[in-house]
Amino acid sequence: MTVRDSIDPTHVELFDRFIHGQLSKSEWTHHAHLVTCWVALQSRTPAETVAFLRDAIKTHNCGIGTANTDTSGYHETLTVYYTAAIADAQASDPTDLNELPNCSNTAARRFWSEDELFSVQARGEWRDPDRAPLPAGINQQITAIGRPTTSSASR
């Protein structure tokens, strides 16, 4: 029995459709991002998951007509944050991840200002939060991923 065998087939199917470029732009929702990340984490470390998602999301975006630029497409800070938040949640199923405060669609806005979160720098590289410190468990996951967790004042 593999890890994939123990995952709900609907989650595996969404993940596979994402990987094979069959998930439409309208289906590539926040929930789909969470499920994709959760499935990836079932057989990868958080660091491996970020590396995997970095390439997979960029490839997927190209396939659905979303350019990966300084203002659209792949977003490094959000990918690292949500990977860490999902890993920290240790959910046995991704169905309700969006209901968790640290995984909701607006969760990152609790920690980053709009200006910082949607800056060119945050899209291209990890940026420390400028609004509030991250919860300890998420910070530990980010450290494991290999991203700096220094205060924004030290930039």
Protein backbone atom coordinates (compact mmCIF):
# COMPACT_ATOMS: atom_id res chain seq x y z
CA MET A 1 0.00 0.00 0.00
CA THR A 2 1.38 3.41 -0.98
CA VAL A 3 0.71 6.80 0.60
CA ARG A 4 -1.54 7.62 -2.37
CA ASP A 5 -3.68 4.55 -1.62
CA SER A 6 -4.61 6.01 1.77
CA ILE A 7 -5.73 9.40 0.37
CA ASP A 8 -9.31 10.11 -0.66
CA PRO A 9 -9.48 9.45 -4.42
CA THR A 10 -11.10 12.85 -5.09
CA HIS A 11 -8.04 14.58 -3.64
CA VAL A 12 -5.67 12.38 -5.64
CA GLU A 13 -7.68 13.09 -8.78
CA LEU A 14 -7.50 16.87 -8.23
CA PHE A 15 -3.74 16.60 -7.62
CA ASP A 16 -3.25 14.45 -10.73
CA ARG A 17 -5.32 16.82 -12.86
CA PHE A 18 -3.17 19.70 -11.59
CA ILE A 19 0.07 17.83 -12.37
CA HIS A 20 -1.10 16.84 -15.86
CA GLY A 21 -2.35 20.32 -16.80
CA GLN A 22 -5.99 19.28 -16.78
CA LEU A 23 -7.21 21.54 -13.98
CA SER A 24 -8.90 24.59 -15.51
CA LYS A 25 -8.23 28.15 -14.44
CA SER A 26 -11.66 28.34 -12.79
CA GLU A 27 -10.92 25.15 -10.83
CA TRP A 28 -7.55 26.45 -9.59
CA THR A 29 -9.13 27.94 -6.46
CA HIS A 30 -7.68 28.52 -3.01
CA HIS A 31 -9.17 25.18 -1.94
CA ALA A 32 -7.48 23.45 -4.90
CA HIS A 33 -4.17 25.03 -3.89
CA LEU A 34 -4.63 23.71 -0.33
CA VAL A 35 -5.54 20.20 -1.49
CA THR A 36 -2.63 20.10 -3.93
CA CYS A 37 -0.19 21.20 -1.23
CA TRP A 38 -1.66 18.74 1.31
CA VAL A 39 -1.38 15.81 -1.13
CA ALA A 40 2.20 16.80 -1.97
CA LEU A 41 3.05 16.91 1.76
CA GLN A 42 1.88 13.34 2.23
CA SER A 43 5.00 12.03 0.47
CA ARG A 44 7.42 14.97 0.75
CA THR A 45 9.01 17.10 3.44
CA PRO A 46 7.86 20.73 3.60
CA ALA A 47 11.11 21.80 1.88
CA GLU A 48 10.60 19.22 -0.88
CA THR A 49 6.96 20.30 -1.21
CA VAL A 50 7.91 23.96 -1.72
CA ALA A 51 10.47 23.00 -4.38
CA PHE A 52 7.92 20.74 -6.08
CA LEU A 53 5.14 23.35 -5.96
CA ARG A 54 7.41 26.15 -7.14
CA ASP A 55 7.97 24.33 -10.44
CA ALA A 56 4.54 22.70 -10.70
CA ILE A 57 2.57 25.92 -10.12
CA LYS A 58 4.67 27.84 -12.64
CA THR A 59 4.15 25.08 -15.21
CA HIS A 60 0.45 24.86 -14.45
CA ASN A 61 0.03 28.62 -14.72
CA CYS A 62 1.61 28.61 -18.18
CA GLY A 63 -0.81 25.88 -19.24
CA ILE A 64 -3.88 27.83 -18.15
CA GLY A 65 -2.77 31.17 -19.57
CA THR A 66 -1.57 32.82 -16.36
CA ALA A 67 1.77 34.52 -16.86
CA ASN A 68 4.35 34.16 -14.08
CA THR A 69 5.48 37.78 -13.82
CA ASP A 70 6.31 40.34 -11.16
CA THR A 71 2.58 40.98 -10.75
CA SER A 72 0.82 37.69 -11.50
CA GLY A 73 1.17 33.94 -11.29
CA TYR A 74 3.49 32.12 -8.90
CA HIS A 75 3.99 33.75 -5.47
CA GLU A 76 6.92 32.50 -3.36
CA THR A 77 5.93 34.03 -0.03
CA LEU A 78 2.39 32.67 -0.23
CA THR A 79 3.60 29.22 -1.32
CA VAL A 80 6.06 28.99 1.57
CA TYR A 81 3.53 30.36 4.06
CA TYR A 82 0.68 28.01 3.09
CA THR A 83 3.00 24.98 2.87
CA ALA A 84 4.17 25.75 6.40
CA ALA A 85 0.62 26.38 7.64
CA ILE A 86 -0.68 23.13 6.15
CA ALA A 87 2.29 21.15 7.49
CA ASP A 88 1.74 22.70 10.92
CA ALA A 89 -1.99 21.88 10.85
CA GLN A 90 -1.19 18.15 10.57
CA ALA A 91 -4.65 17.53 9.13
CA SER A 92 -5.53 13.94 8.30
CA ASP A 93 -7.68 15.18 5.41
CA PRO A 94 -7.57 18.45 3.44
CA THR A 95 -11.34 18.90 3.22
CA ASP A 96 -11.63 21.43 6.03
CA LEU A 97 -8.24 23.14 5.76
CA ASN A 98 -9.83 26.32 4.41
CA GLU A 99 -11.78 26.58 7.69
CA LEU A 100 -8.61 26.72 9.78
CA PRO A 101 -7.60 30.30 10.64
CA ASN A 102 -4.01 29.87 9.37
CA CYS A 103 -5.10 28.24 6.09
CA SER A 104 -8.03 30.44 5.05
CA ASN A 105 -7.91 32.53 1.90
CA THR A 106 -7.23 35.65 3.98
CA ALA A 107 -4.85 34.12 6.56
CA ALA A 108 -1.68 35.67 5.16
CA ARG A 109 -3.18 39.14 5.42
CA ARG A 110 -3.10 38.79 9.21
CA PHE A 111 0.70 38.72 9.03
CA TRP A 112 1.57 40.85 5.98
CA SER A 113 0.34 44.26 4.89
CA GLU A 114 -1.18 44.41 1.41
CA ASP A 115 1.80 46.46 0.19
CA GLU A 116 4.35 43.92 1.42
CA LEU A 117 2.39 40.78 0.50
CA PHE A 118 1.72 41.90 -3.05
CA SER A 119 5.12 43.45 -3.67
CA VAL A 120 7.37 42.25 -6.46
CA GLN A 121 9.84 41.08 -3.81
CA ALA A 122 7.27 38.91 -1.97
CA ARG A 123 6.14 37.31 -5.22
CA GLY A 124 9.71 36.36 -6.13
CA GLU A 125 11.25 35.47 -2.78
CA TRP A 126 10.37 34.78 0.84
CA ARG A 127 9.58 37.96 2.76
CA ASP A 128 9.16 38.09 6.51
CA PRO A 129 5.79 39.33 7.79
CA ASP A 130 5.57 43.05 8.45
CA ARG A 131 2.24 43.15 10.29
CA ALA A 132 2.40 40.43 12.97
CA PRO A 133 4.71 37.55 13.89
CA LEU A 134 3.87 34.13 12.55
CA PRO A 135 2.60 31.49 14.98
CA ALA A 136 5.43 29.42 16.49
CA GLY A 137 4.45 26.20 14.69
CA ILE A 138 4.41 27.89 11.29
CA ASN A 139 7.74 29.58 12.06
CA GLN A 140 9.23 26.16 12.90
CA GLN A 141 7.98 24.77 9.59
CA ILE A 142 9.48 27.72 7.70
CA THR A 143 12.79 27.12 9.44
CA ALA A 144 12.60 23.48 8.34
CA ILE A 145 11.88 24.62 4.79
CA GLY A 146 15.07 26.63 4.96
CA ARG A 147 13.61 30.09 4.73
CA PRO A 148 14.86 32.88 6.97
CA THR A 149 12.62 33.74 9.90
CA THR A 150 14.39 36.91 10.97
CA SER A 151 12.39 39.99 11.79
CA SER A 152 11.44 42.30 8.93
CA ALA A 153 13.46 45.05 10.63
CA SER A 154 16.67 43.21 9.78
CA ARG A 155 16.11 43.35 6.02
